[in-house]
Amino acid sequence: MHYYTYYDSPVGRLLLECDGTALTGLWIENQKYYAAGAADMRHIDDTQPVFDAARAWLDEYFAGAMPMVACPPLRPRGTDFQRRVWDALRHIPYGCVMTYGDIAAKLHSAPRAVGGAIGRNPISIIIPCHRVIGTNGALTGYAGGLTAKETLLRLEQNGA
């Protein structure tokens, strides 16, 4: 069974999903692929310990600091390639950015394939797809919208 809750953030309302042991989704309201792959959404339950951990992490993050509390366990659903890309995103340090090409080179893949996987990231913010920029430094391709991407990057730059 999957459980859901909401979190109000500076980039909009977030929908969180867990399977009881790990966070499986975190979407910004109205983002592209919102709740894609989510299970039956009738089980709203604020009491899941995974949500407590996620809220603590998000509270620190949105307070403008690199979260020092433990990240909740994550279990994103996707293909092997997508999970490799999402794992690479988790290695981009707080307050830093990488290009699609940088990640593609690390994974011996094409930037377009990496961009497709990044766009399907089911755990926004905690798996920091907002830290990926275009080769020329442009803010491109964020499923949550470029305003949200800019807000998240500015928040990290101010807190780094």
C-alpha atoms as a PDB file:
ATOM      1  CA  MET A   1       0.000   0.000   0.000  1.00  0.00           C
ATOM      2  CA  HIS A   2       1.147   3.526  -0.718  1.00  0.00           C
ATOM      3  CA  TYR A   3       0.432   6.558   1.451  1.00  0.00           C
ATOM      4  CA  TYR A   4       0.283  10.257   0.638  1.00  0.00           C
ATOM      5  CA  THR A   5       0.598  13.595   2.336  1.00  0.00           C
ATOM      6  CA  TYR A   6       1.127  17.202   1.325  1.00  0.00           C
ATOM      7  CA  TYR A   7       3.775  19.746   2.251  1.00  0.00           C
ATOM      8  CA  ASP A   8       3.474  23.488   1.612  1.00  0.00           C
ATOM      9  CA  SER A   9       6.760  24.896   0.315  1.00  0.00           C
ATOM     10  CA  PRO A  10       8.126  28.118  -1.200  1.00  0.00           C
ATOM     11  CA  VAL A  11       7.850  26.493  -4.661  1.00  0.00           C
ATOM     12  CA  GLY A  12       4.264  25.348  -4.172  1.00  0.00           C
ATOM     13  CA  ARG A  13       2.380  22.496  -2.623  1.00  0.00           C
ATOM     14  CA  LEU A  14       4.307  19.217  -2.682  1.00  0.00           C
ATOM     15  CA  LEU A  15       2.727  15.788  -2.889  1.00  0.00           C
ATOM     16  CA  LEU A  16       4.698  13.116  -1.036  1.00  0.00           C
ATOM     17  CA  GLU A  17       4.224   9.382  -1.537  1.00  0.00           C
ATOM     18  CA  CYS A  18       5.689   6.504   0.483  1.00  0.00           C
ATOM     19  CA  ASP A  19       5.325   2.747   0.622  1.00  0.00           C
ATOM     20  CA  GLY A  20       5.552   2.636   4.424  1.00  0.00           C
ATOM     21  CA  THR A  21       9.340   2.233   4.479  1.00  0.00           C
ATOM     22  CA  ALA A  22      10.694   4.643   1.846  1.00  0.00           C
ATOM     23  CA  LEU A  23       9.752   7.819  -0.002  1.00  0.00           C
ATOM     24  CA  THR A  24       8.643   6.841  -3.510  1.00  0.00           C
ATOM     25  CA  GLY A  25       7.481  10.205  -4.822  1.00  0.00           C
ATOM     26  CA  LEU A  26       7.741  13.941  -4.242  1.00  0.00           C
ATOM     27  CA  TRP A  27       6.134  16.169  -6.843  1.00  0.00           C
ATOM     28  CA  ILE A  28       5.620  19.913  -7.096  1.00  0.00           C
ATOM     29  CA  GLU A  29       1.954  20.641  -7.750  1.00  0.00           C
ATOM     30  CA  ASN A  30       1.277  21.103 -11.482  1.00  0.00           C
ATOM     31  CA  GLN A  31       4.706  19.879 -12.533  1.00  0.00           C
ATOM     32  CA  LYS A  32       5.073  17.874 -15.700  1.00  0.00           C
ATOM     33  CA  TYR A  33       4.458  14.196 -14.931  1.00  0.00           C
ATOM     34  CA  TYR A  34       2.764  15.150 -11.632  1.00  0.00           C
ATOM     35  CA  ALA A  35       2.200  11.948  -9.646  1.00  0.00           C
ATOM     36  CA  ALA A  36       3.265   9.866 -12.657  1.00  0.00           C
ATOM     37  CA  GLY A  37       3.455   6.255 -11.612  1.00  0.00           C
ATOM     38  CA  ALA A  38       1.772   6.957  -8.277  1.00  0.00           C
ATOM     39  CA  ALA A  39      -0.340   4.192  -6.824  1.00  0.00           C
ATOM     40  CA  ASP A  40      -3.957   4.567  -5.645  1.00  0.00           C
ATOM     41  CA  MET A  41      -4.047   8.026  -4.064  1.00  0.00           C
ATOM     42  CA  ARG A  42      -6.896   7.415  -1.621  1.00  0.00           C
ATOM     43  CA  HIS A  43      -4.596   6.733   1.333  1.00  0.00           C
ATOM     44  CA  ILE A  44      -3.783  10.130   2.817  1.00  0.00           C
ATOM     45  CA  ASP A  45      -1.831   9.485   6.028  1.00  0.00           C
ATOM     46  CA  ASP A  46       0.312  12.120   7.759  1.00  0.00           C
ATOM     47  CA  THR A  47       1.494   9.661  10.411  1.00  0.00           C
ATOM     48  CA  GLN A  48       3.984   7.652   8.350  1.00  0.00           C
ATOM     49  CA  PRO A  49       7.520   7.899   9.875  1.00  0.00           C
ATOM     50  CA  VAL A  50       8.930   8.314   6.350  1.00  0.00           C
ATOM     51  CA  PHE A  51       6.892  11.511   6.034  1.00  0.00           C
ATOM     52  CA  ASP A  52       8.237  12.761   9.378  1.00  0.00           C
ATOM     53  CA  ALA A  53      11.782  12.297   8.057  1.00  0.00           C
ATOM     54  CA  ALA A  54      10.912  13.943   4.733  1.00  0.00           C
ATOM     55  CA  ARG A  55       9.269  16.933   6.452  1.00  0.00           C
ATOM     56  CA  ALA A  56      12.301  17.407   8.732  1.00  0.00           C
ATOM     57  CA  TRP A  57      14.610  17.313   5.707  1.00  0.00           C
ATOM     58  CA  LEU A  58      12.418  19.722   3.733  1.00  0.00           C
ATOM     59  CA  ASP A  59      12.066  22.089   6.712  1.00  0.00           C
ATOM     60  CA  GLU A  60      15.856  22.429   6.939  1.00  0.00           C
ATOM     61  CA  TYR A  61      16.240  22.710   3.184  1.00  0.00           C
ATOM     62  CA  PHE A  62      13.638  25.457   2.828  1.00  0.00           C
ATOM     63  CA  ALA A  63      15.102  27.273   5.837  1.00  0.00           C
ATOM     64  CA  GLY A  64      18.081  27.871   3.524  1.00  0.00           C
ATOM     65  CA  ALA A  65      20.527  25.331   4.909  1.00  0.00           C
ATOM     66  CA  MET A  66      21.978  22.119   3.649  1.00  0.00           C
ATOM     67  CA  PRO A  67      19.896  19.547   5.515  1.00  0.00           C
ATOM     68  CA  MET A  68      21.859  17.903   8.296  1.00  0.00           C
ATOM     69  CA  VAL A  69      19.022  15.576   9.301  1.00  0.00           C
ATOM     70  CA  ALA A  70      19.061  12.176   7.693  1.00  0.00           C
ATOM     71  CA  CYS A  71      17.467  11.970   4.296  1.00  0.00           C
ATOM     72  CA  PRO A  72      14.457   9.661   4.336  1.00  0.00           C
ATOM     73  CA  PRO A  73      15.007   6.339   2.609  1.00  0.00           C
ATOM     74  CA  LEU A  74      14.282   6.732  -1.107  1.00  0.00           C
ATOM     75  CA  ARG A  75      12.816   4.196  -3.510  1.00  0.00           C
ATOM     76  CA  PRO A  76      12.110   5.892  -6.847  1.00  0.00           C
ATOM     77  CA  ARG A  77      10.381   3.744  -9.451  1.00  0.00           C
ATOM     78  CA  GLY A  78      11.961   3.760 -12.881  1.00  0.00           C
ATOM     79  CA  THR A  79      14.106   1.891 -15.364  1.00  0.00           C
ATOM     80  CA  ASP A  80      17.660   0.849 -14.524  1.00  0.00           C
ATOM     81  CA  PHE A  81      18.983   3.723 -16.636  1.00  0.00           C
ATOM     82  CA  GLN A  82      16.693   6.261 -14.969  1.00  0.00           C
ATOM     83  CA  ARG A  83      17.774   5.079 -11.507  1.00  0.00           C
ATOM     84  CA  ARG A  84      21.448   5.415 -12.531  1.00  0.00           C
ATOM     85  CA  VAL A  85      20.799   8.993 -13.654  1.00  0.00           C
ATOM     86  CA  TRP A  86      18.885   9.800 -10.456  1.00  0.00           C
ATOM     87  CA  ASP A  87      21.720   8.339  -8.393  1.00  0.00           C
ATOM     88  CA  ALA A  88      24.166  10.599 -10.249  1.00  0.00           C
ATOM     89  CA  LEU A  89      21.984  13.592  -9.383  1.00  0.00           C
ATOM     90  CA  ARG A  90      22.272  12.748  -5.678  1.00  0.00           C
ATOM     91  CA  HIS A  91      26.047  13.206  -5.990  1.00  0.00           C
ATOM     92  CA  ILE A  92      25.796  16.838  -7.133  1.00  0.00           C
ATOM     93  CA  PRO A  93      26.800  18.804  -4.030  1.00  0.00           C
ATOM     94  CA  TYR A  94      24.391  21.245  -2.393  1.00  0.00           C
ATOM     95  CA  GLY A  95      24.775  24.687  -3.961  1.00  0.00           C
ATOM     96  CA  CYS A  96      26.536  23.345  -7.087  1.00  0.00           C
ATOM     97  CA  VAL A  97      25.343  22.636 -10.602  1.00  0.00           C
ATOM     98  CA  MET A  98      26.301  20.252 -13.404  1.00  0.00           C
ATOM     99  CA  THR A  99      25.342  20.161 -17.049  1.00  0.00           C
ATOM    100  CA  TYR A 100      23.405  17.440 -18.812  1.00  0.00           C
ATOM    101  CA  GLY A 101      26.623  16.765 -20.756  1.00  0.00           C
ATOM    102  CA  ASP A 102      28.645  16.339 -17.542  1.00  0.00           C
ATOM    103  CA  ILE A 103      26.227  13.700 -16.274  1.00  0.00           C
ATOM    104  CA  ALA A 104      26.035  12.014 -19.685  1.00  0.00           C
ATOM    105  CA  ALA A 105      29.841  11.765 -19.811  1.00  0.00           C
ATOM    106  CA  LYS A 106      29.946  10.173 -16.344  1.00  0.00           C
ATOM    107  CA  LEU A 107      27.327   7.621 -17.388  1.00  0.00           C
ATOM    108  CA  HIS A 108      28.724   7.087 -20.923  1.00  0.00           C
ATOM    109  CA  SER A 109      25.396   8.143 -22.370  1.00  0.00           C
ATOM    110  CA  ALA A 110      23.890  10.886 -24.501  1.00  0.00           C
ATOM    111  CA  PRO A 111      22.814  14.208 -22.967  1.00  0.00           C
ATOM    112  CA  ARG A 112      19.339  13.847 -24.495  1.00  0.00           C
ATOM    113  CA  ALA A 113      18.830  10.445 -22.841  1.00  0.00           C
ATOM    114  CA  VAL A 114      20.011  11.877 -19.532  1.00  0.00           C
ATOM    115  CA  GLY A 115      17.620  14.821 -19.934  1.00  0.00           C
ATOM    116  CA  GLY A 116      14.725  12.432 -20.539  1.00  0.00           C
ATOM    117  CA  ALA A 117      15.526  10.499 -17.359  1.00  0.00           C
ATOM    118  CA  ILE A 118      15.955  13.683 -15.341  1.00  0.00           C
ATOM    119  CA  GLY A 119      12.567  14.930 -16.524  1.00  0.00           C
ATOM    120  CA  ARG A 120      10.960  11.758 -15.132  1.00  0.00           C
ATOM    121  CA  ASN A 121      12.563  12.093 -11.684  1.00  0.00           C
ATOM    122  CA  PRO A 122       9.776  11.090  -9.271  1.00  0.00           C
ATOM    123  CA  ILE A 123      11.405  12.565  -6.146  1.00  0.00           C
ATOM    124  CA  SER A 124      11.951  16.252  -6.885  1.00  0.00           C
ATOM    125  CA  ILE A 125      14.160  18.418  -4.694  1.00  0.00           C
ATOM    126  CA  ILE A 126      15.602  15.550  -2.603  1.00  0.00           C
ATOM    127  CA  ILE A 127      16.901  13.966  -5.821  1.00  0.00           C
ATOM    128  CA  PRO A 128      18.162  17.359  -7.021  1.00  0.00           C
ATOM    129  CA  CYS A 129      17.327  17.527 -10.718  1.00  0.00           C
ATOM    130  CA  HIS A 130      17.109  21.306 -10.297  1.00  0.00           C
ATOM    131  CA  ARG A 131      20.942  21.335 -10.081  1.00  0.00           C
ATOM    132  CA  VAL A 132      21.273  20.385 -13.745  1.00  0.00           C
ATOM    133  CA  ILE A 133      21.705  23.210 -16.245  1.00  0.00           C
ATOM    134  CA  GLY A 134      22.323  23.591 -19.957  1.00  0.00           C
ATOM    135  CA  THR A 135      25.849  23.594 -21.391  1.00  0.00           C
ATOM    136  CA  ASN A 136      25.762  27.378 -21.768  1.00  0.00           C
ATOM    137  CA  GLY A 137      24.679  27.828 -18.135  1.00  0.00           C
ATOM    138  CA  ALA A 138      21.025  28.360 -19.025  1.00  0.00           C
ATOM    139  CA  LEU A 139      18.301  27.164 -16.691  1.00  0.00           C
ATOM    140  CA  THR A 140      16.514  24.657 -18.869  1.00  0.00           C
ATOM    141  CA  GLY A 141      14.236  21.688 -18.628  1.00  0.00           C
ATOM    142  CA  TYR A 142      12.830  21.577 -15.105  1.00  0.00           C
ATOM    143  CA  ALA A 143       9.544  19.647 -14.797  1.00  0.00           C
ATOM    144  CA  GLY A 144       8.532  21.842 -11.843  1.00  0.00           C
ATOM    145  CA  GLY A 145       8.944  24.974 -13.960  1.00  0.00           C
ATOM    146  CA  LEU A 146      11.844  27.354 -14.415  1.00  0.00           C
ATOM    147  CA  THR A 147      10.613  29.681 -11.663  1.00  0.00           C
ATOM    148  CA  ALA A 148      10.780  26.821  -9.151  1.00  0.00           C
ATOM    149  CA  LYS A 149      14.223  25.795 -10.445  1.00  0.00           C
ATOM    150  CA  GLU A 150      15.509  29.339 -10.066  1.00  0.00           C
ATOM    151  CA  THR A 151      14.038  29.572  -6.543  1.00  0.00           C
ATOM    152  CA  LEU A 152      15.680  26.304  -5.468  1.00  0.00           C
ATOM    153  CA  LEU A 153      19.076  27.243  -6.906  1.00  0.00           C
ATOM    154  CA  ARG A 154      18.927  30.714  -5.329  1.00  0.00           C
ATOM    155  CA  LEU A 155      17.983  29.167  -1.990  1.00  0.00           C
ATOM    156  CA  GLU A 156      21.023  26.866  -2.171  1.00  0.00           C
ATOM    157  CA  GLN A 157      23.372  29.656  -3.306  1.00  0.00           C
ATOM    158  CA  ASN A 158      22.298  31.802  -0.361  1.00  0.00           C
ATOM    159  CA  GLY A 159      22.666  28.897   2.074  1.00  0.00           C
ATOM    160  CA  ALA A 160      25.914  27.439   0.737  1.00  0.00           C
END
